[in-house]
Protein backbone atom coordinates (compact mmCIF):
# COMPACT_ATOMS: atom_id res chain seq x y z
CA MET A 1 59.91 118.23 116.61
CA SER A 2 61.36 119.84 113.50
CA LEU A 3 64.84 121.33 113.69
CA ASN A 4 65.99 124.65 112.27
CA TRP A 5 68.97 123.32 110.32
CA ARG A 6 69.75 126.77 108.96
CA ALA A 7 70.35 127.98 112.51
CA ILE A 8 72.39 124.87 113.30
CA TRP A 9 74.67 125.32 110.29
CA THR A 10 75.00 129.03 111.13
CA ILE A 11 76.44 128.07 114.51
CA VAL A 12 78.78 125.57 112.85
CA GLY A 13 80.02 128.10 110.29
CA LYS A 14 80.51 130.87 112.85
CA ASP A 15 82.54 128.68 115.20
CA LEU A 16 84.71 127.25 112.41
CA ARG A 17 85.53 130.77 111.21
CA LEU A 18 86.58 131.78 114.72
CA ILE A 19 88.78 128.73 115.15
CA ARG A 20 90.31 129.29 111.73
CA MET A 21 91.63 132.62 113.01
CA ASN A 22 93.23 130.95 116.05
CA LYS A 23 96.83 130.26 115.02
CA ASN A 24 97.58 128.15 118.10
CA VAL A 25 94.72 125.76 117.35
CA LEU A 26 95.53 125.57 113.65
CA GLY A 27 99.19 124.96 114.45
CA SER A 28 98.39 122.00 116.68
CA LEU A 29 96.02 120.57 114.06
CA ILE A 30 98.84 120.63 111.51
CA ILE A 31 101.78 119.56 113.66
CA LEU A 32 100.16 116.58 115.42
CA PRO A 33 98.90 114.84 112.25
CA LEU A 34 102.23 115.58 110.60
CA ILE A 35 104.08 113.76 113.39
CA PHE A 36 101.65 110.83 113.80
CA LEU A 37 100.76 110.26 110.15
CA VAL A 38 103.87 111.28 108.23
CA VAL A 39 107.11 111.52 110.19
CA MET A 40 106.91 108.57 112.61
CA PRO A 41 105.37 105.93 110.29
CA GLY A 42 107.35 107.15 107.29
CA VAL A 43 110.70 106.84 109.07
CA MET A 44 109.98 103.44 110.64
CA VAL A 45 108.58 101.91 107.46
CA TYR A 46 111.47 103.29 105.41
CA ILE A 47 114.01 101.78 107.81
CA ALA A 48 112.26 98.40 107.73
CA ALA A 49 111.90 98.45 103.93
CA SER A 50 115.30 99.79 102.96
CA GLY A 51 117.33 97.53 105.24
CA SER A 52 119.32 100.55 106.43
CA ASN A 53 118.99 99.06 109.89
CA PRO A 54 119.28 95.28 109.38
CA ASP A 55 119.16 94.64 113.13
CA VAL A 56 115.47 95.57 113.09
CA VAL A 57 114.62 92.94 110.48
CA ASN A 58 116.95 90.37 112.07
CA ASP A 59 115.36 90.84 115.50
CA PHE A 60 111.95 90.54 113.91
CA SER A 61 112.99 87.34 112.12
CA GLU A 62 114.19 85.79 115.38
CA ASP A 63 110.96 86.64 117.24
CA PHE A 64 108.60 86.10 114.33
CA ASP A 65 107.44 82.65 115.45
CA LEU A 66 106.38 84.12 118.82
CA PHE A 67 104.56 86.99 117.12
CA TYR A 68 102.99 84.65 114.61
CA ALA A 69 101.59 82.29 117.25
CA SER A 70 99.76 85.10 119.03
CA MET A 71 98.19 86.62 115.91
CA PRO A 72 94.57 86.09 114.85
CA ASP A 73 94.05 83.74 111.91
CA GLY A 74 93.13 86.60 109.58
CA ILE A 75 96.43 88.41 110.11
CA ARG A 76 98.45 85.19 109.76
CA THR A 77 96.72 84.47 106.46
CA GLU A 78 97.50 87.99 105.27
CA LEU A 79 101.16 87.70 106.25
CA GLN A 80 101.53 84.38 104.42
CA ALA A 81 100.98 86.22 101.14
CA TYR A 82 104.29 88.07 101.61
CA ASP A 83 107.59 86.43 100.71
CA SER A 84 110.14 88.03 103.03
CA ASP A 85 110.38 89.04 106.67
CA ALA A 86 111.04 92.62 105.56
CA GLU A 87 107.69 92.70 103.75
CA ARG A 88 105.90 91.21 106.74
CA LEU A 89 107.55 93.71 109.07
CA VAL A 90 106.45 96.59 106.84
CA LEU A 91 102.87 95.31 106.89
CA LEU A 92 102.82 94.86 110.65
CA ILE A 93 104.19 98.35 111.26
CA SER A 94 102.00 100.15 108.76
CA ALA A 95 98.70 98.27 109.10
CA TYR A 96 98.68 97.19 112.75
CA MET A 97 101.29 98.80 114.98
CA PHE A 98 100.37 102.35 113.96
CA ALA A 99 96.62 101.72 113.86
CA PRO A 100 95.92 102.85 117.47
CA LEU A 101 98.25 105.83 116.99
CA PHE A 102 96.15 106.93 114.04
CA LEU A 103 93.12 107.13 116.35
CA MET A 104 94.90 109.82 118.35
CA VAL A 105 94.50 112.28 115.47
CA PRO A 106 90.69 112.49 115.17
CA ILE A 107 90.20 112.34 118.93
CA MET A 108 92.65 115.22 119.41
CA VAL A 109 90.87 117.25 116.75
CA SER A 110 87.44 116.63 118.24
CA THR A 111 88.79 117.36 121.72
CA THR A 112 90.34 120.65 120.63
CA PHE A 113 87.28 121.85 118.75
CA GLY A 114 84.86 120.49 121.35
CA ALA A 115 86.70 122.23 124.19
CA ASP A 116 86.20 125.53 122.39
CA SER A 117 82.47 124.92 121.87
CA PHE A 118 81.18 126.58 125.05
CA ALA A 119 84.34 127.40 126.99
CA GLY A 120 85.55 129.44 124.03
CA GLU A 121 82.31 131.43 124.02
CA HIS A 122 82.75 132.10 127.73
CA GLU A 123 86.37 133.14 127.20
CA ARG A 124 85.51 135.48 124.30
CA LYS A 125 82.63 137.02 126.30
CA THR A 126 80.15 135.97 123.60
CA MET A 127 78.27 133.37 125.65
CA GLU A 128 75.40 135.68 126.62
CA GLY A 129 74.53 136.56 123.03
CA LEU A 130 74.63 132.88 122.05
CA LEU A 131 72.42 131.74 124.91
CA TYR A 132 69.75 134.33 124.13
CA ALA A 133 69.69 133.48 120.42
CA PRO A 134 66.25 132.44 119.06
CA ILE A 135 67.05 128.73 118.81
CA THR A 136 66.18 125.70 120.89
CA ASP A 137 68.53 124.00 123.33
CA LEU A 138 68.75 120.96 121.05
CA GLU A 139 69.64 123.08 118.01
CA LEU A 140 72.39 124.81 119.98
CA TYR A 141 73.69 121.47 121.23
CA LEU A 142 73.72 119.94 117.73
CA GLY A 143 75.41 123.00 116.27
CA LYS A 144 78.24 122.79 118.78
CA LEU A 145 78.47 119.03 118.29
CA LEU A 146 78.73 119.17 114.50
CA MET A 147 81.21 122.04 114.71
CA ALA A 148 83.70 119.67 116.35
CA TRP A 149 82.76 116.35 114.76
CA ILE A 150 82.89 117.39 111.09
CA PRO A 151 86.54 118.58 111.25
CA ALA A 152 87.49 115.38 113.08
CA LEU A 153 85.91 113.29 110.31
CA LEU A 154 87.60 115.32 107.58
CA VAL A 155 90.98 115.06 109.29
CA ALA A 156 90.52 111.29 109.72
CA LEU A 157 89.66 110.80 106.03
CA LEU A 158 92.36 113.15 104.73
CA GLY A 159 94.83 111.75 107.25
CA GLY A 160 94.07 108.22 106.05
CA VAL A 161 94.85 109.21 102.47
CA ILE A 162 98.07 110.96 103.49
CA TYR A 163 99.13 108.06 105.67
CA ALA A 164 98.50 105.52 102.89
CA THR A 165 100.53 107.64 100.45
CA VAL A 166 103.45 107.95 102.88
CA ILE A 167 103.45 104.20 103.62
CA ASN A 168 103.40 103.18 99.96
CA VAL A 169 106.21 105.59 99.09
CA ALA A 170 108.36 104.62 102.10
CA ALA A 171 107.92 100.87 101.46
CA TRP A 172 108.26 100.98 97.66
CA SER A 173 111.83 99.65 97.69
CA VAL A 174 110.70 96.31 99.14
CA MET A 175 107.04 96.11 98.09
CA GLU A 176 107.42 97.55 94.57
CA ARG A 177 103.67 98.09 94.36
CA VAL A 178 100.78 99.88 96.03
CA PHE A 179 99.87 97.51 98.89
CA PHE A 180 98.19 99.84 101.34
CA PRO A 181 95.53 100.41 102.67
CA ASN A 182 94.26 96.94 103.48
CA LEU A 183 90.74 96.05 104.64
CA SER A 184 91.51 96.43 108.34
CA TRP A 185 92.81 99.95 107.80
CA LEU A 186 89.80 100.98 105.73
CA THR A 187 87.54 99.65 108.49
CA LEU A 188 89.53 101.59 111.05
CA VAL A 189 89.25 104.88 109.14
CA LEU A 190 85.61 104.57 108.06
CA TRP A 191 84.12 102.87 111.14
CA PHE A 192 86.27 103.06 114.26
CA ALA A 193 87.78 106.56 113.95
CA PRO A 194 84.37 108.31 113.63
CA ALA A 195 83.11 106.34 116.64
CA VAL A 196 86.11 107.32 118.77
CA SER A 197 85.69 110.96 117.72
CA ALA A 198 81.99 110.93 118.61
CA ALA A 199 82.56 109.29 121.99
CA GLY A 200 85.33 111.69 122.92
CA LEU A 201 83.36 114.65 121.68
CA ALA A 202 80.32 113.75 123.77
CA ALA A 203 82.42 113.97 126.92
CA VAL A 204 84.25 117.11 125.82
CA ILE A 205 81.03 119.02 125.07
CA PHE A 206 79.83 118.17 128.58
CA VAL A 207 83.10 119.46 130.08
CA SER A 208 83.21 122.57 127.88
CA ALA A 209 79.71 123.64 128.94
CA ARG A 210 80.94 123.80 132.54
CA ALA A 211 84.48 125.14 132.04
CA LYS A 212 85.33 128.83 132.11
CA THR A 213 88.30 128.68 129.72
CA VAL A 214 89.31 126.58 126.72
CA GLN A 215 92.54 125.59 128.47
CA GLU A 216 90.59 124.25 131.44
CA ALA A 217 88.33 122.23 129.16
CA ILE A 218 91.30 120.81 127.24
CA GLN A 219 93.13 119.85 130.44
CA VAL A 220 90.15 117.91 131.78
CA SER A 221 89.30 116.28 128.44
CA SER A 222 92.95 115.26 127.84
CA MET A 223 92.21 112.17 129.93
CA LEU A 224 90.18 110.87 126.99
CA VAL A 225 93.37 109.79 125.24
CA ILE A 226 94.17 107.31 128.03
CA PRO A 227 92.06 104.48 126.51
CA VAL A 228 93.81 105.02 123.17
CA ILE A 229 97.21 104.91 124.89
CA LEU A 230 96.24 101.63 126.57
CA LEU A 231 95.19 100.30 123.16
CA ILE A 232 98.59 101.28 121.75
CA VAL A 233 100.37 99.44 124.60
CA ALA A 234 98.18 96.36 124.14
CA GLN A 235 98.84 96.31 120.40
CA MET A 236 102.60 96.71 120.84
CA ALA A 237 102.63 93.93 123.43
CA GLY A 238 100.71 91.59 121.14
CA VAL A 239 97.76 91.37 123.54
CA ILE A 240 95.37 92.60 120.87
CA TYR A 241 95.55 93.13 117.13
CA LEU A 242 93.22 95.51 115.34
CA ASN A 243 92.07 93.17 112.61
CA VAL A 244 88.71 93.58 110.87
CA PRO A 245 86.54 91.56 113.34
CA THR A 246 88.13 93.30 116.34
CA ILE A 247 87.67 96.74 114.79
CA LEU A 248 84.03 96.04 113.92
CA ILE A 249 83.22 94.81 117.44
CA MET A 250 85.11 97.56 119.26
CA GLY A 251 83.67 100.16 116.91
CA ALA A 252 80.12 98.95 117.60
CA VAL A 253 80.73 99.17 121.35
CA VAL A 254 82.20 102.67 121.08
CA TRP A 255 79.39 103.83 118.78
CA ALA A 256 76.80 102.55 121.28
CA ALA A 257 78.55 104.32 124.14
CA ALA A 258 78.85 107.53 122.10
CA LEU A 259 75.17 107.54 121.18
CA VAL A 260 74.12 106.97 124.78
CA VAL A 261 76.36 109.76 126.08
CA LEU A 262 75.25 112.13 123.31
CA TRP A 263 71.60 111.38 124.01
CA LEU A 264 72.06 111.96 127.74
CA GLY A 265 74.00 115.14 127.01
CA ALA A 266 71.23 116.46 124.77
CA LYS A 267 68.59 115.62 127.40
CA ARG A 268 70.50 117.33 130.20
CA PHE A 269 71.69 120.35 128.24
CA GLN A 270 69.82 123.44 129.36
CA ARG A 271 70.79 126.99 128.57
CA GLY A 272 69.29 128.13 131.85
CA GLU A 273 72.15 126.51 133.75
CA LEU A 274 74.71 128.24 131.53
CA ILE A 275 72.97 131.59 131.92
CA ALA A 276 73.13 131.18 135.72
CA ARG A 277 76.93 130.83 135.48
CA LEU A 278 77.44 134.09 133.57
């Protein structure tokens, strides 16, 4: 079956223009990445690199053998290339400790946009006109899906560039060179982040189609950040490290789950059910 991509991109463009006029949504999309990608990592890396808080480096030096023993071989090999504990601490903070936190940004963007996909139409009283538009159910579903996924991808890519710039500037006093991003971070941005966004979005679209308001959809879909929070805790505790093999495997699993959920969502999506709820 051929798709009317012109109609799909019309839906995407219309929804993005509406969201662009929503100051609350735009504010959250600016503030959250600013906190997670600039302020928090910038401050911590600067402290570790400048030695303004020597207790941090000293504590790390004392516990480094314990950390080192629990690390995968790839990370240990990477750390051996650095001469001082301060340099190793900077690398661990920037490349590994903040890696799960970075995933919060695209999933929050996709959740925010995805929650508005159908619930926003219902809230703005524009659902009826959308449902009676001369397009197929699949085209409508894809339009709403791309409307949320494309911004999440753009934010992930732009956020990765901003994060790398902040890290290199904050750590310049000890590194004295551009050392970031490394391979694990590139894999995270280009492979894992899109997968997480797609998986979260698949669930959010399902919720949004049944919610009456955007706030209701966001509240229900906020539970999607729980796996990311657990990943942050596991990384901080040294239970898991997001090195390249781990990211590739976890990304493949998440991509598979996302594709299954998206396929099921597309199969079950019927405008007739939405029309009955008007």
